[in-house]
């Protein structure tokens, strides 16, 4: 089964696992990329939603510990991946 590339508002809220009111707030504040081809209905591109959802990565404690150990030994920050 092929996934839809363009999602409706309801589909996007469901896909992102958030309430419609939360998604509406994100669109009205222009935080989430969206399209309004006729000025009323809101559509979303699946890839853009995925990029938004993955935009701020929180490092696991093991990575933080590794970076701290590297800094203590070498005095230098570990290069970001």
PDB file of N, CA and C in Angstrom:
ATOM      1  N   UNK A   1       0.838  -1.191   0.000  1.00  0.00           N
ATOM      2  CA  UNK A   1       0.000   0.000   0.000  1.00  0.00           C
ATOM      3  C   UNK A   1       0.882   1.253   0.000  1.00  0.00           C
ATOM      4  N   UNK A   2       0.595   2.175  -0.875  1.00  0.00           N
ATOM      5  CA  UNK A   2       1.354   3.412  -0.984  1.00  0.00           C
ATOM      6  C   UNK A   2       0.746   4.473  -0.065  1.00  0.00           C
ATOM      7  N   UNK A   3       1.602   5.207   0.641  1.00  0.00           N
ATOM      8  CA  UNK A   3       1.142   6.255   1.538  1.00  0.00           C
ATOM      9  C   UNK A   3       0.785   7.507   0.746  1.00  0.00           C
ATOM     10  N   UNK A   4      -0.256   8.210   1.223  1.00  0.00           N
ATOM     11  CA  UNK A   4      -0.630   9.479   0.601  1.00  0.00           C
ATOM     12  C   UNK A   4       0.460  10.510   0.837  1.00  0.00           C
ATOM     13  N   UNK A   5       0.751  11.299  -0.193  1.00  0.00           N
ATOM     14  CA  UNK A   5       1.756  12.354  -0.078  1.00  0.00           C
ATOM     15  C   UNK A   5       1.156  13.604   0.563  1.00  0.00           C
ATOM     16  N   UNK A   6      -0.086  13.900   0.250  1.00  0.00           N
ATOM     17  CA  UNK A   6      -0.762  15.086   0.766  1.00  0.00           C
ATOM     18  C   UNK A   6      -1.867  14.650   1.723  1.00  0.00           C
ATOM     19  N   UNK A   7      -1.878  15.262   2.917  1.00  0.00           N
ATOM     20  CA  UNK A   7      -2.849  14.907   3.942  1.00  0.00           C
ATOM     21  C   UNK A   7      -3.818  16.047   4.212  1.00  0.00           C
ATOM     22  N   UNK A   8      -5.046  15.684   4.537  1.00  0.00           N
ATOM     23  CA  UNK A   8      -6.024  16.679   4.969  1.00  0.00           C
ATOM     24  C   UNK A   8      -5.695  17.082   6.403  1.00  0.00           C
ATOM     25  N   UNK A   9      -6.388  18.076   6.911  1.00  0.00           N
ATOM     26  CA  UNK A   9      -6.168  18.539   8.278  1.00  0.00           C
ATOM     27  C   UNK A   9      -6.380  17.405   9.285  1.00  0.00           C
ATOM     28  N   UNK A  10      -7.505  16.708   9.173  1.00  0.00           N
ATOM     29  CA  UNK A  10      -7.801  15.617  10.105  1.00  0.00           C
ATOM     30  C   UNK A  10      -6.761  14.498  10.006  1.00  0.00           C
ATOM     31  N   UNK A  11      -6.372  14.148   8.780  1.00  0.00           N
ATOM     32  CA  UNK A  11      -5.371  13.107   8.585  1.00  0.00           C
ATOM     33  C   UNK A  11      -4.030  13.520   9.197  1.00  0.00           C
ATOM     34  N   UNK A  12      -3.669  14.789   9.033  1.00  0.00           N
ATOM     35  CA  UNK A  12      -2.400  15.283   9.571  1.00  0.00           C
ATOM     36  C   UNK A  12      -2.401  15.239  11.098  1.00  0.00           C
ATOM     37  N   UNK A  13      -3.495  15.661  11.719  1.00  0.00           N
ATOM     38  CA  UNK A  13      -3.584  15.625  13.180  1.00  0.00           C
ATOM     39  C   UNK A  13      -3.453  14.190  13.675  1.00  0.00           C
ATOM     40  N   UNK A  14      -4.128  13.286  13.022  1.00  0.00           N
ATOM     41  CA  UNK A  14      -4.060  11.870  13.391  1.00  0.00           C
ATOM     42  C   UNK A  14      -2.645  11.325  13.182  1.00  0.00           C
ATOM     43  N   UNK A  15      -2.053  11.634  12.037  1.00  0.00           N
ATOM     44  CA  UNK A  15      -0.701  11.168  11.721  1.00  0.00           C
ATOM     45  C   UNK A  15       0.322  11.664  12.744  1.00  0.00           C
ATOM     46  N   UNK A  16       0.168  12.910  13.185  1.00  0.00           N
ATOM     47  CA  UNK A  16       1.105  13.511  14.121  1.00  0.00           C
ATOM     48  C   UNK A  16       0.790  13.142  15.575  1.00  0.00           C
ATOM     49  N   UNK A  17      -0.362  12.530  15.801  1.00  0.00           N
ATOM     50  CA  UNK A  17      -0.735  12.122  17.143  1.00  0.00           C
ATOM     51  C   UNK A  17      -1.079  13.277  18.053  1.00  0.00           C
ATOM     52  N   UNK A  18      -1.708  14.299  17.500  1.00  0.00           N
ATOM     53  CA  UNK A  18      -2.083  15.459  18.312  1.00  0.00           C
ATOM     54  C   UNK A  18      -3.524  15.846  18.038  1.00  0.00           C
ATOM     55  N   UNK A  19      -4.060  16.627  18.935  1.00  0.00           N
ATOM     56  CA  UNK A  19      -5.444  17.060  18.772  1.00  0.00           C
ATOM     57  C   UNK A  19      -5.548  18.055  17.612  1.00  0.00           C
ATOM     58  N   UNK A  20      -6.737  18.178  17.077  1.00  0.00           N
ATOM     59  CA  UNK A  20      -6.956  19.128  15.984  1.00  0.00           C
ATOM     60  C   UNK A  20      -6.741  20.561  16.467  1.00  0.00           C
ATOM     61  N   UNK A  21      -7.114  20.844  17.710  1.00  0.00           N
ATOM     62  CA  UNK A  21      -6.930  22.205  18.226  1.00  0.00           C
ATOM     63  C   UNK A  21      -5.446  22.547  18.338  1.00  0.00           C
ATOM     64  N   UNK A  22      -4.631  21.572  18.726  1.00  0.00           N
ATOM     65  CA  UNK A  22      -3.185  21.802  18.811  1.00  0.00           C
ATOM     66  C   UNK A  22      -2.606  22.046  17.416  1.00  0.00           C
ATOM     67  N   UNK A  23      -3.013  21.246  16.443  1.00  0.00           N
ATOM     68  CA  UNK A  23      -2.523  21.433  15.076  1.00  0.00           C
ATOM     69  C   UNK A  23      -3.005  22.762  14.509  1.00  0.00           C
ATOM     70  N   UNK A  24      -4.235  23.144  14.809  1.00  0.00           N
ATOM     71  CA  UNK A  24      -4.740  24.439  14.338  1.00  0.00           C
ATOM     72  C   UNK A  24      -3.889  25.574  14.899  1.00  0.00           C
ATOM     73  N   UNK A  25      -3.528  25.470  16.165  1.00  0.00           N
ATOM     74  CA  UNK A  25      -2.695  26.505  16.786  1.00  0.00           C
ATOM     75  C   UNK A  25      -1.342  26.587  16.082  1.00  0.00           C
ATOM     76  N   UNK A  26      -0.750  25.423  15.771  1.00  0.00           N
ATOM     77  CA  UNK A  26       0.544  25.403  15.091  1.00  0.00           C
ATOM     78  C   UNK A  26       0.460  26.001  13.686  1.00  0.00           C
ATOM     79  N   UNK A  27      -0.661  25.772  12.995  1.00  0.00           N
ATOM     80  CA  UNK A  27      -0.808  26.348  11.653  1.00  0.00           C
ATOM     81  C   UNK A  27      -1.088  27.848  11.731  1.00  0.00           C
ATOM     82  N   UNK A  28      -1.904  28.261  12.684  1.00  0.00           N
ATOM     83  CA  UNK A  28      -2.228  29.690  12.783  1.00  0.00           C
ATOM     84  C   UNK A  28      -1.010  30.515  13.189  1.00  0.00           C
ATOM     85  N   UNK A  29      -0.083  29.895  13.930  1.00  0.00           N
ATOM     86  CA  UNK A  29       1.152  30.572  14.317  1.00  0.00           C
ATOM     87  C   UNK A  29       2.265  30.380  13.273  1.00  0.00           C
ATOM     88  N   UNK A  30       1.912  29.715  12.180  1.00  0.00           N
ATOM     89  CA  UNK A  30       2.843  29.448  11.076  1.00  0.00           C
ATOM     90  C   UNK A  30       4.092  28.694  11.542  1.00  0.00           C
ATOM     91  N   UNK A  31       3.877  27.707  12.413  1.00  0.00           N
ATOM     92  CA  UNK A  31       4.967  26.879  12.919  1.00  0.00           C
ATOM     93  C   UNK A  31       5.127  25.624  12.070  1.00  0.00           C
ATOM     94  N   UNK A  32       4.020  25.050  11.646  1.00  0.00           N
ATOM     95  CA  UNK A  32       4.025  23.846  10.812  1.00  0.00           C
ATOM     96  C   UNK A  32       3.731  24.258   9.364  1.00  0.00           C
ATOM     97  N   UNK A  33       4.557  23.799   8.403  1.00  0.00           N
ATOM     98  CA  UNK A  33       4.285  24.142   7.007  1.00  0.00           C
ATOM     99  C   UNK A  33       2.972  23.523   6.530  1.00  0.00           C
ATOM    100  N   UNK A  34       2.200  24.307   5.815  1.00  0.00           N
ATOM    101  CA  UNK A  34       0.907  23.844   5.319  1.00  0.00           C
ATOM    102  C   UNK A  34       0.521  24.616   4.066  1.00  0.00           C
ATOM    103  N   UNK A  35      -0.524  24.156   3.423  1.00  0.00           N
ATOM    104  CA  UNK A  35      -0.977  24.737   2.148  1.00  0.00           C
ATOM    105  C   UNK A  35      -2.467  25.037   2.226  1.00  0.00           C
ATOM    106  N   UNK A  36      -2.854  26.178   1.656  1.00  0.00           N
ATOM    107  CA  UNK A  36      -4.263  26.568   1.592  1.00  0.00           C
ATOM    108  C   UNK A  36      -4.554  27.002   0.147  1.00  0.00           C
ATOM    109  N   UNK A  37      -4.716  26.032  -0.754  1.00  0.00           N
ATOM    110  CA  UNK A  37      -4.848  26.374  -2.178  1.00  0.00           C
ATOM    111  C   UNK A  37      -6.061  27.244  -2.511  1.00  0.00           C
ATOM    112  N   UNK A  38      -7.148  27.087  -1.772  1.00  0.00           N
ATOM    113  CA  UNK A  38      -8.317  27.910  -2.064  1.00  0.00           C
ATOM    114  C   UNK A  38      -8.631  28.859  -0.917  1.00  0.00           C
ATOM    115  N   UNK A  39      -7.693  29.003   0.010  1.00  0.00           N
ATOM    116  CA  UNK A  39      -7.856  29.933   1.111  1.00  0.00           C
ATOM    117  C   UNK A  39      -8.682  29.421   2.276  1.00  0.00           C
ATOM    118  N   UNK A  40      -9.196  28.194   2.193  1.00  0.00           N
ATOM    119  CA  UNK A  40     -10.028  27.688   3.268  1.00  0.00           C
ATOM    120  C   UNK A  40      -9.529  26.334   3.783  1.00  0.00           C
ATOM    121  N   UNK A  41      -9.523  25.340   2.948  1.00  0.00           N
ATOM    122  CA  UNK A  41      -9.070  23.999   3.342  1.00  0.00           C
ATOM    123  C   UNK A  41      -7.552  24.007   3.537  1.00  0.00           C
ATOM    124  N   UNK A  42      -7.087  23.297   4.566  1.00  0.00           N
ATOM    125  CA  UNK A  42      -5.665  23.228   4.872  1.00  0.00           C
ATOM    126  C   UNK A  42      -5.160  21.823   4.540  1.00  0.00           C
ATOM    127  N   UNK A  43      -4.033  21.772   3.838  1.00  0.00           N
ATOM    128  CA  UNK A  43      -3.414  20.511   3.463  1.00  0.00           C
ATOM    129  C   UNK A  43      -1.960  20.503   3.923  1.00  0.00           C
ATOM    130  N   UNK A  44      -1.421  19.304   4.075  1.00  0.00           N
ATOM    131  CA  UNK A  44      -0.056  19.139   4.547  1.00  0.00           C
ATOM    132  C   UNK A  44       0.658  18.121   3.676  1.00  0.00           C
ATOM    133  N   UNK A  45       1.951  18.319   3.494  1.00  0.00           N
ATOM    134  CA  UNK A  45       2.773  17.338   2.800  1.00  0.00           C
ATOM    135  C   UNK A  45       3.394  16.424   3.861  1.00  0.00           C
ATOM    136  N   UNK A  46       3.233  15.130   3.700  1.00  0.00           N
ATOM    137  CA  UNK A  46       3.693  14.152   4.685  1.00  0.00           C
ATOM    138  C   UNK A  46       5.180  14.345   5.025  1.00  0.00           C
ATOM    139  N   UNK A  47       6.027  14.535   4.020  1.00  0.00           N
ATOM    140  CA  UNK A  47       7.470  14.682   4.260  1.00  0.00           C
ATOM    141  C   UNK A  47       7.778  15.913   5.112  1.00  0.00           C
ATOM    142  N   UNK A  48       7.040  17.000   4.892  1.00  0.00           N
ATOM    143  CA  UNK A  48       7.262  18.207   5.685  1.00  0.00           C
ATOM    144  C   UNK A  48       6.835  17.995   7.138  1.00  0.00           C
ATOM    145  N   UNK A  49       5.761  17.237   7.343  1.00  0.00           N
ATOM    146  CA  UNK A  49       5.344  16.923   8.712  1.00  0.00           C
ATOM    147  C   UNK A  49       6.396  16.075   9.405  1.00  0.00           C
ATOM    148  N   UNK A  50       6.948  15.098   8.683  1.00  0.00           N
ATOM    149  CA  UNK A  50       8.002  14.262   9.255  1.00  0.00           C
ATOM    150  C   UNK A  50       9.212  15.110   9.628  1.00  0.00           C
ATOM    151  N   UNK A  51       9.591  16.036   8.769  1.00  0.00           N
ATOM    152  CA  UNK A  51      10.724  16.919   9.066  1.00  0.00           C
ATOM    153  C   UNK A  51      10.442  17.759  10.307  1.00  0.00           C
ATOM    154  N   UNK A  52       9.224  18.265  10.417  1.00  0.00           N
ATOM    155  CA  UNK A  52       8.851  19.051  11.599  1.00  0.00           C
ATOM    156  C   UNK A  52       8.930  18.185  12.856  1.00  0.00           C
ATOM    157  N   UNK A  53       8.379  16.980  12.800  1.00  0.00           N
ATOM    158  CA  UNK A  53       8.357  16.105  13.965  1.00  0.00           C
ATOM    159  C   UNK A  53       9.766  15.712  14.416  1.00  0.00           C
ATOM    160  N   UNK A  54      10.694  15.638  13.476  1.00  0.00           N
ATOM    161  CA  UNK A  54      12.062  15.222  13.786  1.00  0.00           C
ATOM    162  C   UNK A  54      13.033  16.402  13.856  1.00  0.00           C
ATOM    163  N   UNK A  55      12.518  17.622  13.971  1.00  0.00           N
ATOM    164  CA  UNK A  55      13.360  18.813  13.870  1.00  0.00           C
ATOM    165  C   UNK A  55      14.227  19.087  15.095  1.00  0.00           C
ATOM    166  N   UNK A  56      13.814  18.672  16.260  1.00  0.00           N
ATOM    167  CA  UNK A  56      14.605  18.931  17.467  1.00  0.00           C
ATOM    168  C   UNK A  56      14.886  17.606  18.157  1.00  0.00           C
ATOM    169  N   UNK A  57      16.100  17.116  17.954  1.00  0.00           N
ATOM    170  CA  UNK A  57      16.495  15.828  18.523  1.00  0.00           C
ATOM    171  C   UNK A  57      17.052  16.031  19.924  1.00  0.00           C
ATOM    172  N   UNK A  58      16.576  15.241  20.853  1.00  0.00           N
ATOM    173  CA  UNK A  58      17.083  15.254  22.221  1.00  0.00           C
ATOM    174  C   UNK A  58      18.031  14.071  22.362  1.00  0.00           C
ATOM    175  N   UNK A  59      19.271  14.367  22.735  1.00  0.00           N
ATOM    176  CA  UNK A  59      20.281  13.310  22.846  1.00  0.00           C
ATOM    177  C   UNK A  59      19.972  12.403  24.032  1.00  0.00           C
ATOM    178  N   UNK A  60      20.196  11.086  23.870  1.00  0.00           N
ATOM    179  CA  UNK A  60      20.059  10.175  25.007  1.00  0.00           C
ATOM    180  C   UNK A  60      21.224  10.386  25.973  1.00  0.00           C
ATOM    181  N   UNK A  61      21.032   9.992  27.201  1.00  0.00           N
ATOM    182  CA  UNK A  61      22.051  10.198  28.236  1.00  0.00           C
ATOM    183  C   UNK A  61      23.389   9.574  27.855  1.00  0.00           C
ATOM    184  N   UNK A  62      23.369   8.446  27.144  1.00  0.00           N
ATOM    185  CA  UNK A  62      24.632   7.801  26.757  1.00  0.00           C
ATOM    186  C   UNK A  62      25.469   8.713  25.854  1.00  0.00           C
ATOM    187  N   UNK A  63      24.838   9.435  24.935  1.00  0.00           N
ATOM    188  CA  UNK A  63      25.572  10.367  24.064  1.00  0.00           C
ATOM    189  C   UNK A  63      26.112  11.547  24.858  1.00  0.00           C
ATOM    190  N   UNK A  64      25.326  12.036  25.809  1.00  0.00           N
ATOM    191  CA  UNK A  64      25.762  13.156  26.638  1.00  0.00           C
ATOM    192  C   UNK A  64      26.975  12.732  27.472  1.00  0.00           C
ATOM    193  N   UNK A  65      26.888  11.530  28.062  1.00  0.00           N
ATOM    194  CA  UNK A  65      28.000  11.018  28.865  1.00  0.00           C
ATOM    195  C   UNK A  65      29.265  10.834  28.029  1.00  0.00           C
ATOM    196  N   UNK A  66      29.094  10.317  26.815  1.00  0.00           N
ATOM    197  CA  UNK A  66      30.236  10.108  25.924  1.00  0.00           C
ATOM    198  C   UNK A  66      30.897  11.432  25.561  1.00  0.00           C
ATOM    199  N   UNK A  67      30.089  12.430  25.261  1.00  0.00           N
ATOM    200  CA  UNK A  67      30.633  13.748  24.916  1.00  0.00           C
ATOM    201  C   UNK A  67      31.350  14.367  26.111  1.00  0.00           C
ATOM    202  N   UNK A  68      30.799  14.187  27.300  1.00  0.00           N
ATOM    203  CA  UNK A  68      31.433  14.726  28.504  1.00  0.00           C
ATOM    204  C   UNK A  68      32.765  14.041  28.750  1.00  0.00           C
ATOM    205  N   UNK A  69      32.817  12.723  28.582  1.00  0.00           N
ATOM    206  CA  UNK A  69      34.063  11.982  28.764  1.00  0.00           C
ATOM    207  C   UNK A  69      35.116  12.430  27.761  1.00  0.00           C
ATOM    208  N   UNK A  70      34.714  12.600  26.514  1.00  0.00           N
ATOM    209  CA  UNK A  70      35.637  13.061  25.471  1.00  0.00           C
ATOM    210  C   UNK A  70      36.183  14.435  25.816  1.00  0.00           C
ATOM    211  N   UNK A  71      35.319  15.308  26.306  1.00  0.00           N
ATOM    212  CA  UNK A  71      35.741  16.665  26.652  1.00  0.00           C
ATOM    213  C   UNK A  71      36.730  16.650  27.827  1.00  0.00           C
ATOM    214  N   UNK A  72      36.464  15.813  28.820  1.00  0.00           N
ATOM    215  CA  UNK A  72      37.345  15.728  29.980  1.00  0.00           C
ATOM    216  C   UNK A  72      38.730  15.236  29.565  1.00  0.00           C
ATOM    217  N   UNK A  73      38.779  14.236  28.684  1.00  0.00           N
ATOM    218  CA  UNK A  73      40.049  13.644  28.264  1.00  0.00           C
ATOM    219  C   UNK A  73      40.808  14.554  27.308  1.00  0.00           C
ATOM    220  N   UNK A  74      40.124  15.117  26.325  1.00  0.00           N
ATOM    221  CA  UNK A  74      40.797  15.876  25.266  1.00  0.00           C
ATOM    222  C   UNK A  74      40.706  17.388  25.423  1.00  0.00           C
ATOM    223  N   UNK A  75      39.732  17.844  26.198  1.00  0.00           N
ATOM    224  CA  UNK A  75      39.527  19.281  26.325  1.00  0.00           C
ATOM    225  C   UNK A  75      38.827  19.878  25.117  1.00  0.00           C
ATOM    226  N   UNK A  76      38.298  19.013  24.237  1.00  0.00           N
ATOM    227  CA  UNK A  76      37.621  19.470  23.019  1.00  0.00           C
ATOM    228  C   UNK A  76      36.225  18.882  22.952  1.00  0.00           C
ATOM    229  N   UNK A  77      35.337  19.655  22.359  1.00  0.00           N
ATOM    230  CA  UNK A  77      33.983  19.166  22.129  1.00  0.00           C
ATOM    231  C   UNK A  77      33.996  18.131  21.012  1.00  0.00           C
ATOM    232  N   UNK A  78      33.194  17.101  21.148  1.00  0.00           N
ATOM    233  CA  UNK A  78      33.066  16.089  20.100  1.00  0.00           C
ATOM    234  C   UNK A  78      32.294  16.690  18.935  1.00  0.00           C
ATOM    235  N   UNK A  79      32.719  16.399  17.731  1.00  0.00           N
ATOM    236  CA  UNK A  79      32.040  16.898  16.535  1.00  0.00           C
ATOM    237  C   UNK A  79      30.624  16.354  16.461  1.00  0.00           C
ATOM    238  N   UNK A  80      29.690  17.221  16.077  1.00  0.00           N
ATOM    239  CA  UNK A  80      28.296  16.786  15.908  1.00  0.00           C
ATOM    240  C   UNK A  80      28.193  15.884  14.695  1.00  0.00           C
ATOM    241  N   UNK A  81      27.319  14.895  14.802  1.00  0.00           N
ATOM    242  CA  UNK A  81      27.124  13.953  13.684  1.00  0.00           C
ATOM    243  C   UNK A  81      26.163  14.489  12.687  1.00  0.00           C
TER     244      UNK A  81
END
